[in-house]
């Protein structure tokens, strides 16, 4: 039986499987391959409140999964890692290890204890993907066992973008192997499943932005996301000869997780304070800081938000409020509510100016428009430090090196990504400036004794290509079976993106 040819973006993984998993998978039998690129937030956030906007892109490196169903009920998982990382991880069990006889997964307590006993706590990542899909009605209980191989191309500095890519790739692999919903893959549903699984199983707060980006980003485009009950997305092509390059500084997380969470939780706490005051004054409450203009904020709304407040004080005032984020309000933490509110108000405006100026530059090619795009990025980077308290001396050193080169070197702006959860920096530059940027990364690495690099190109969202099924050992395909069509999410509005080929990098 003939099979569809392997897309170019999957060739590196296929070559790796033939050397690292030929004892694990039957390469001469059909299997599924799924992938999802890493994601980076260029502007916006971190709180994804109604009315706010995020700008993100997918990078040219991905997380890959190969899954093959078995005839028995055995489950085998292999996580490929380099020797420097400690080598490959493996776990073997049966469907009954994870699922009960009636179908639902076993309790998290039982699963955590099982994997702890097996010295495989990392398996909870797979459980998170499974439960996220199941809770959103996208996964059936497996009727047969499977073999799964996972390979993560992304650097450890990727933060939430790496977490989202792994969860998205796993989710697509599980959907493929159980045969559920083959004819249509909804990027928003997959993203919600990813975010739910991370919170429910691992206790992580993962916004929709990275999950949506891993799923539906287009190569050569930025992804604009307007946050609401039902997010609206749009692909925005990057202008010719201008790129947003992602530099991995190799520093790992540059902000403690508690500080990153506080930047989101504090914004919600501040909004509840504002709404309580508005309701008391018989005015309409707001859904999020993106619905408050800078002039309204400075014109008096800011006065309804305390400069600082401890989690305990806030909880005493909102005892009956039940929201997912309220679980993360730490009683002993002092939150800079007014500063966090101001960041989110102005960040929403910066995101809009960023996109408007970017699109205007695509039409006019006026350097003044590109300068305005860079100002939005630089202003966001500064606000993360001044208003959210998220800054790092080494990152600021790198940004200063880029700013020193300035327009003459082809650089227009830079911003810390991941809200400090990683050490990735987005740089707006002319394409001709890439060689100089590589030199800056090398110089920075030498000075800071770290290993940095530029992440290649932009990636194609995993949901858009969904998955591939075929035989890796096939020598020649003369016919191609009918490929099940994959429909992009209906909520994505196409902004005339450039043609996308099979190659992930651009």
Foldseek 3Di string as FASTA:
>chain_A
DFADDDFPLCVVVLVVCVPPPVVPDVLQDKKWKFKFFFKWWLFWDDAQFALFKTKIFGFLFIKMKIKDFDPAFKAKEWEADDVVVPGIDIDIDGLVQQAPPVWHGDDLVSNCVVCVVVVRNVCLLLVLLVQLCVVLPQAGRAPTYMYMYMYGPDDLQRFLRSSLRVSLNSNLRRSVRRVGPQQEDEQQSSLSSSQRSCCPNVVDHHDSVSNSNRAAHAFQWMWMWRHDPDIFIETHGFAPQKDWWKKALQPAFQDDPLLLLLLHLLQVLQLVQLQVVCVVVVHDRDRGLSVAAPCNCVVPSLVSGDQKDALLRSCVVPVPDDDSSNVSRDRGDIHRNSLSSNLNNVSSVLVVLLRVLRVVCNVPVDVVSVLSNQVSQAVNQVSLCPRSVQDHPLLVVLQVVLVVCPVVLFWRHKHAIPSSNGGMMITIGRNVNVVVNQVSSVVSCVVVVGDMDIGFGGFGHRQQVSMGMDRSPDPDRPDHDDDNDYDYHPSYDYPPYDDDGSNGGD
